[in-house]
PDB file of N, CA and C in Angstrom:
ATOM      1  N   MET A   1       0.856  -1.175   0.000  1.00  0.00           N
ATOM      2  CA  MET A   1       0.000   0.000   0.000  1.00  0.00           C
ATOM      3  C   MET A   1       0.902   1.238   0.000  1.00  0.00           C
ATOM      4  N   LYS A   2       0.591   2.167  -0.854  1.00  0.00           N
ATOM      5  CA  LYS A   2       1.412   3.360  -0.970  1.00  0.00           C
ATOM      6  C   LYS A   2       1.246   4.250   0.260  1.00  0.00           C
ATOM      7  N   GLY A   3       2.278   5.006   0.533  1.00  0.00           N
ATOM      8  CA  GLY A   3       2.252   5.909   1.675  1.00  0.00           C
ATOM      9  C   GLY A   3       1.166   6.959   1.569  1.00  0.00           C
ATOM     10  N   SER A   4       0.907   7.419   0.361  1.00  0.00           N
ATOM     11  CA  SER A   4      -0.139   8.430   0.183  1.00  0.00           C
ATOM     12  C   SER A   4      -1.520   7.854   0.477  1.00  0.00           C
ATOM     13  N   HIS A   5      -1.739   6.590   0.103  1.00  0.00           N
ATOM     14  CA  HIS A   5      -3.023   5.957   0.406  1.00  0.00           C
ATOM     15  C   HIS A   5      -3.221   5.798   1.912  1.00  0.00           C
ATOM     16  N   ILE A   6      -2.163   5.445   2.597  1.00  0.00           N
ATOM     17  CA  ILE A   6      -2.241   5.291   4.049  1.00  0.00           C
ATOM     18  C   ILE A   6      -2.583   6.624   4.706  1.00  0.00           C
ATOM     19  N   MET A   7      -1.939   7.693   4.251  1.00  0.00           N
ATOM     20  CA  MET A   7      -2.210   9.011   4.821  1.00  0.00           C
ATOM     21  C   MET A   7      -3.647   9.452   4.550  1.00  0.00           C
ATOM     22  N   ILE A   8      -4.151   9.178   3.365  1.00  0.00           N
ATOM     23  CA  ILE A   8      -5.529   9.545   3.036  1.00  0.00           C
ATOM     24  C   ILE A   8      -6.507   8.815   3.944  1.00  0.00           C
ATOM     25  N   VAL A   9      -6.283   7.529   4.156  1.00  0.00           N
ATOM     26  CA  VAL A   9      -7.161   6.748   5.033  1.00  0.00           C
ATOM     27  C   VAL A   9      -7.106   7.294   6.457  1.00  0.00           C
ATOM     28  N   LEU A  10      -5.908   7.604   6.940  1.00  0.00           N
ATOM     29  CA  LEU A  10      -5.782   8.120   8.305  1.00  0.00           C
ATOM     30  C   LEU A  10      -6.450   9.480   8.468  1.00  0.00           C
ATOM     31  N   VAL A  11      -6.371  10.319   7.449  1.00  0.00           N
ATOM     32  CA  VAL A  11      -7.025  11.630   7.521  1.00  0.00           C
ATOM     33  C   VAL A  11      -8.545  11.463   7.521  1.00  0.00           C
ATOM     34  N   ILE A  12      -9.037  10.532   6.725  1.00  0.00           N
ATOM     35  CA  ILE A  12     -10.480  10.310   6.654  1.00  0.00           C
ATOM     36  C   ILE A  12     -11.028   9.787   7.978  1.00  0.00           C
ATOM     37  N   VAL A  13     -10.296   8.906   8.640  1.00  0.00           N
ATOM     38  CA  VAL A  13     -10.802   8.320   9.891  1.00  0.00           C
ATOM     39  C   VAL A  13     -10.410   9.137  11.121  1.00  0.00           C
ATOM     40  N   ALA A  14      -9.733  10.249  10.935  1.00  0.00           N
ATOM     41  CA  ALA A  14      -9.302  11.050  12.082  1.00  0.00           C
ATOM     42  C   ALA A  14     -10.491  11.630  12.853  1.00  0.00           C
ATOM     43  N   TRP A  15     -11.513  12.102  12.151  1.00  0.00           N
ATOM     44  CA  TRP A  15     -12.657  12.688  12.844  1.00  0.00           C
ATOM     45  C   TRP A  15     -13.412  11.658  13.694  1.00  0.00           C
ATOM     46  N   PRO A  16     -13.725  10.468  13.155  1.00  0.00           N
ATOM     47  CA  PRO A  16     -14.393   9.478  14.013  1.00  0.00           C
ATOM     48  C   PRO A  16     -13.540   9.064  15.215  1.00  0.00           C
ATOM     49  N   PHE A  17     -12.227   8.977  15.011  1.00  0.00           N
ATOM     50  CA  PHE A  17     -11.360   8.628  16.140  1.00  0.00           C
ATOM     51  C   PHE A  17     -11.367   9.734  17.189  1.00  0.00           C
ATOM     52  N   TYR A  18     -11.375  10.968  16.753  1.00  0.00           N
ATOM     53  CA  TYR A  18     -11.435  12.074  17.702  1.00  0.00           C
ATOM     54  C   TYR A  18     -12.750  12.042  18.475  1.00  0.00           C
ATOM     55  N   TYR A  19     -13.835  11.707  17.795  1.00  0.00           N
ATOM     56  CA  TYR A  19     -15.133  11.572  18.464  1.00  0.00           C
ATOM     57  C   TYR A  19     -15.067  10.493  19.546  1.00  0.00           C
ATOM     58  N   LEU A  20     -14.433   9.379  19.234  1.00  0.00           N
ATOM     59  CA  LEU A  20     -14.295   8.311  20.236  1.00  0.00           C
ATOM     60  C   LEU A  20     -13.485   8.778  21.434  1.00  0.00           C
ATOM     61  N   TYR A  21     -12.423   9.552  21.197  1.00  0.00           N
ATOM     62  CA  TYR A  21     -11.631  10.087  22.308  1.00  0.00           C
ATOM     63  C   TYR A  21     -12.475  11.004  23.182  1.00  0.00           C
ATOM     64  N   GLN A  22     -13.326  11.821  22.579  1.00  0.00           N
ATOM     65  CA  GLN A  22     -14.174  12.714  23.358  1.00  0.00           C
ATOM     66  C   GLN A  22     -15.132  11.935  24.250  1.00  0.00           C
ATOM     67  N   ARG A  23     -15.562  10.790  23.801  1.00  0.00           N
ATOM     68  CA  ARG A  23     -16.519   9.968  24.555  1.00  0.00           C
ATOM     69  C   ARG A  23     -15.817   8.971  25.478  1.00  0.00           C
ATOM     70  N   GLN A  24     -14.526   9.157  25.712  1.00  0.00           N
ATOM     71  CA  GLN A  24     -13.725   8.286  26.571  1.00  0.00           C
ATOM     72  C   GLN A  24     -13.653   6.858  26.039  1.00  0.00           C
ATOM     73  N   LEU A  25     -13.657   6.723  24.736  1.00  0.00           N
ATOM     74  CA  LEU A  25     -13.557   5.414  24.102  1.00  0.00           C
ATOM     75  C   LEU A  25     -12.302   5.335  23.229  1.00  0.00           C
ATOM     76  N   GLY A  26     -11.223   5.898  23.693  1.00  0.00           N
ATOM     77  CA  GLY A  26      -9.988   5.945  22.922  1.00  0.00           C
ATOM     78  C   GLY A  26      -9.387   4.582  22.660  1.00  0.00           C
ATOM     79  N   ALA A  27      -9.660   3.615  23.522  1.00  0.00           N
ATOM     80  CA  ALA A  27      -9.103   2.278  23.335  1.00  0.00           C
ATOM     81  C   ALA A  27      -9.625   1.635  22.052  1.00  0.00           C
ATOM     82  N   ILE A  28     -10.853   1.948  21.691  1.00  0.00           N
ATOM     83  CA  ILE A  28     -11.422   1.393  20.459  1.00  0.00           C
ATOM     84  C   ILE A  28     -10.665   1.911  19.243  1.00  0.00           C
ATOM     85  N   SER A  29     -10.357   3.194  19.246  1.00  0.00           N
ATOM     86  CA  SER A  29      -9.633   3.743  18.098  1.00  0.00           C
ATOM     87  C   SER A  29      -8.213   3.185  18.026  1.00  0.00           C
ATOM     88  N   PHE A  30      -7.568   2.963  19.177  1.00  0.00           N
ATOM     89  CA  PHE A  30      -6.243   2.332  19.164  1.00  0.00           C
ATOM     90  C   PHE A  30      -6.329   0.911  18.612  1.00  0.00           C
ATOM     91  N   LEU A  31      -7.366   0.190  18.979  1.00  0.00           N
ATOM     92  CA  LEU A  31      -7.550  -1.162  18.461  1.00  0.00           C
ATOM     93  C   LEU A  31      -7.744  -1.137  16.950  1.00  0.00           C
ATOM     94  N   LEU A  32      -8.564  -0.231  16.455  1.00  0.00           N
ATOM     95  CA  LEU A  32      -8.792  -0.128  15.010  1.00  0.00           C
ATOM     96  C   LEU A  32      -7.523   0.258  14.265  1.00  0.00           C
ATOM     97  N   LEU A  33      -6.749   1.175  14.834  1.00  0.00           N
ATOM     98  CA  LEU A  33      -5.473   1.543  14.208  1.00  0.00           C
ATOM     99  C   LEU A  33      -4.509   0.364  14.190  1.00  0.00           C
ATOM    100  N   ALA A  34      -4.479  -0.393  15.271  1.00  0.00           N
ATOM    101  CA  ALA A  34      -3.594  -1.555  15.330  1.00  0.00           C
ATOM    102  C   ALA A  34      -3.982  -2.583  14.274  1.00  0.00           C
ATOM    103  N   ILE A  35      -5.269  -2.820  14.099  1.00  0.00           N
ATOM    104  CA  ILE A  35      -5.730  -3.758  13.075  1.00  0.00           C
ATOM    105  C   ILE A  35      -5.385  -3.244  11.684  1.00  0.00           C
ATOM    106  N   PHE A  36      -5.559  -1.946  11.458  1.00  0.00           N
ATOM    107  CA  PHE A  36      -5.231  -1.339  10.164  1.00  0.00           C
ATOM    108  C   PHE A  36      -3.755  -1.527   9.827  1.00  0.00           C
ATOM    109  N   PHE A  37      -2.871  -1.225  10.786  1.00  0.00           N
ATOM    110  CA  PHE A  37      -1.445  -1.365  10.523  1.00  0.00           C
ATOM    111  C   PHE A  37      -1.024  -2.831  10.439  1.00  0.00           C
ATOM    112  N   LEU A  38      -1.718  -3.715  11.125  1.00  0.00           N
ATOM    113  CA  LEU A  38      -1.431  -5.145  11.005  1.00  0.00           C
ATOM    114  C   LEU A  38      -1.738  -5.626   9.595  1.00  0.00           C
ATOM    115  N   ILE A  39      -2.865  -5.214   9.052  1.00  0.00           N
ATOM    116  CA  ILE A  39      -3.233  -5.607   7.691  1.00  0.00           C
ATOM    117  C   ILE A  39      -2.214  -5.079   6.688  1.00  0.00           C
ATOM    118  N   ILE A  40      -1.807  -3.834   6.865  1.00  0.00           N
ATOM    119  CA  ILE A  40      -0.809  -3.251   5.959  1.00  0.00           C
ATOM    120  C   ILE A  40       0.504  -4.020   6.033  1.00  0.00           C
ATOM    121  N   SER A  41       0.944  -4.339   7.244  1.00  0.00           N
ATOM    122  CA  SER A  41       2.221  -5.050   7.383  1.00  0.00           C
ATOM    123  C   SER A  41       2.146  -6.461   6.812  1.00  0.00           C
ATOM    124  N   ILE A  42       1.010  -7.138   6.949  1.00  0.00           N
ATOM    125  CA  ILE A  42       0.864  -8.471   6.368  1.00  0.00           C
ATOM    126  C   ILE A  42       0.954  -8.402   4.849  1.00  0.00           C
ATOM    127  N   LYS A  43       0.313  -7.394   4.251  1.00  0.00           N
ATOM    128  CA  LYS A  43       0.390  -7.227   2.800  1.00  0.00           C
ATOM    129  C   LYS A  43       1.824  -6.975   2.350  1.00  0.00           C
ATOM    130  N   GLU A  44       2.547  -6.146   3.087  1.00  0.00           N
ATOM    131  CA  GLU A  44       3.932  -5.842   2.724  1.00  0.00           C
ATOM    132  C   GLU A  44       4.821  -7.074   2.857  1.00  0.00           C
ATOM    133  N   ILE A  45       4.601  -7.878   3.876  1.00  0.00           N
ATOM    134  CA  ILE A  45       5.393  -9.095   4.058  1.00  0.00           C
ATOM    135  C   ILE A  45       5.141 -10.069   2.918  1.00  0.00           C
ATOM    136  N   LYS A  46       3.886 -10.188   2.490  1.00  0.00           N
ATOM    137  CA  LYS A  46       3.568 -11.064   1.356  1.00  0.00           C
ATOM    138  C   LYS A  46       4.278 -10.599   0.097  1.00  0.00           C
ATOM    139  N   LYS A  47       4.299  -9.279  -0.130  1.00  0.00           N
ATOM    140  CA  LYS A  47       4.994  -8.746  -1.305  1.00  0.00           C
ATOM    141  C   LYS A  47       6.481  -9.072  -1.250  1.00  0.00           C
ATOM    142  N   LEU A  48       7.085  -8.889  -0.080  1.00  0.00           N
ATOM    143  CA  LEU A  48       8.509  -9.167   0.052  1.00  0.00           C
ATOM    144  C   LEU A  48       8.816 -10.645  -0.158  1.00  0.00           C
ATOM    145  N   LYS A  49       7.976 -11.533   0.351  1.00  0.00           N
ATOM    146  CA  LYS A  49       8.184 -12.968   0.146  1.00  0.00           C
ATOM    147  C   LYS A  49       8.079 -13.338  -1.327  1.00  0.00           C
ATOM    148  N   GLU A  50       7.116 -12.745  -2.034  1.00  0.00           N
ATOM    149  CA  GLU A  50       6.980 -13.020  -3.460  1.00  0.00           C
ATOM    150  C   GLU A  50       8.199 -12.529  -4.232  1.00  0.00           C
ATOM    151  N   GLN A  51       8.694 -11.340  -3.889  1.00  0.00           N
ATOM    152  CA  GLN A  51       9.880 -10.815  -4.559  1.00  0.00           C
ATOM    153  C   GLN A  51      11.088 -11.696  -4.289  1.00  0.00           C
ATOM    154  N   LYS A  52      11.232 -12.141  -3.058  1.00  0.00           N
ATOM    155  CA  LYS A  52      12.359 -12.993  -2.694  1.00  0.00           C
ATOM    156  C   LYS A  52      12.273 -14.322  -3.435  1.00  0.00           C
ATOM    157  N   LYS A  53      11.071 -14.876  -3.550  1.00  0.00           N
ATOM    158  CA  LYS A  53      10.872 -16.133  -4.255  1.00  0.00           C
ATOM    159  C   LYS A  53      11.222 -15.972  -5.728  1.00  0.00           C
ATOM    160  N   GLN A  54      10.796 -14.867  -6.335  1.00  0.00           N
ATOM    161  CA  GLN A  54      11.078 -14.635  -7.747  1.00  0.00           C
ATOM    162  C   GLN A  54      12.575 -14.470  -7.992  1.00  0.00           C
ATOM    163  N   THR A  55      13.250 -13.742  -7.118  1.00  0.00           N
ATOM    164  CA  THR A  55      14.693 -13.553  -7.302  1.00  0.00           C
ATOM    165  C   THR A  55      15.450 -14.850  -7.078  1.00  0.00           C
ATOM    166  N   SER A  56      14.993 -15.674  -6.137  1.00  0.00           N
ATOM    167  CA  SER A  56      15.683 -16.948  -5.920  1.00  0.00           C
ATOM    168  C   SER A  56      15.458 -17.894  -7.090  1.00  0.00           C
ATOM    169  N   GLU A  57      14.275 -17.884  -7.686  1.00  0.00           N
ATOM    170  CA  GLU A  57      14.015 -18.709  -8.866  1.00  0.00           C
ATOM    171  C   GLU A  57      14.861 -18.235 -10.046  1.00  0.00           C
ATOM    172  N   LEU A  58      14.985 -16.934 -10.186  1.00  0.00           N
ATOM    173  CA  LEU A  58      15.775 -16.378 -11.282  1.00  0.00           C
ATOM    174  C   LEU A  58      17.246 -16.728 -11.111  1.00  0.00           C
ATOM    175  N   SER A  59      17.756 -16.622  -9.904  1.00  0.00           N
ATOM    176  CA  SER A  59      19.164 -16.926  -9.672  1.00  0.00           C
ATOM    177  C   SER A  59      19.431 -18.421  -9.823  1.00  0.00           C
ATOM    178  N   SER A  60      18.495 -19.270  -9.449  1.00  0.00           N
ATOM    179  CA  SER A  60      18.689 -20.700  -9.605  1.00  0.00           C
ATOM    180  C   SER A  60      18.692 -21.089 -11.082  1.00  0.00           C
ATOM    181  N   LYS A  61      17.881 -20.408 -11.900  1.00  0.00           N
ATOM    182  CA  LYS A  61      17.882 -20.676 -13.342  1.00  0.00           C
ATOM    183  C   LYS A  61      19.200 -20.252 -13.953  1.00  0.00           C
ATOM    184  N   GLU A  62      19.782 -19.150 -13.491  1.00  0.00           N
ATOM    185  CA  GLU A  62      21.045 -18.664 -14.013  1.00  0.00           C
ATOM    186  C   GLU A  62      22.175 -19.629 -13.636  1.00  0.00           C
ATOM    187  N   LYS A  63      22.119 -20.214 -12.460  1.00  0.00           N
ATOM    188  CA  LYS A  63      23.156 -21.155 -12.040  1.00  0.00           C
ATOM    189  C   LYS A  63      23.109 -22.430 -12.863  1.00  0.00           C
ATOM    190  N   ILE A  64      21.912 -22.865 -13.247  1.00  0.00           N
ATOM    191  CA  ILE A  64      21.757 -24.084 -14.044  1.00  0.00           C
ATOM    192  C   ILE A  64      22.354 -23.895 -15.421  1.00  0.00           C
ATOM    193  N   GLU A  65      22.139 -22.741 -16.014  1.00  0.00           N
ATOM    194  CA  GLU A  65      22.633 -22.473 -17.376  1.00  0.00           C
ATOM    195  C   GLU A  65      24.076 -22.212 -17.328  1.00  0.00           C
TER     196      GLU A  65
END
């Protein structure tokens, strides 16, 4: 996920999170933020694993030839 997309999402959800803080429900917004960043990190890890797999396959083909 691009950094600009992450910032746009955070700006959009800032008002509801502020509302939760006003109502003494800040823990809910922290939980939602934690879930959001967990999903982002899982996606990034999957991308890195795919890139690593592709580079290892490419290097193994070069060694065979």
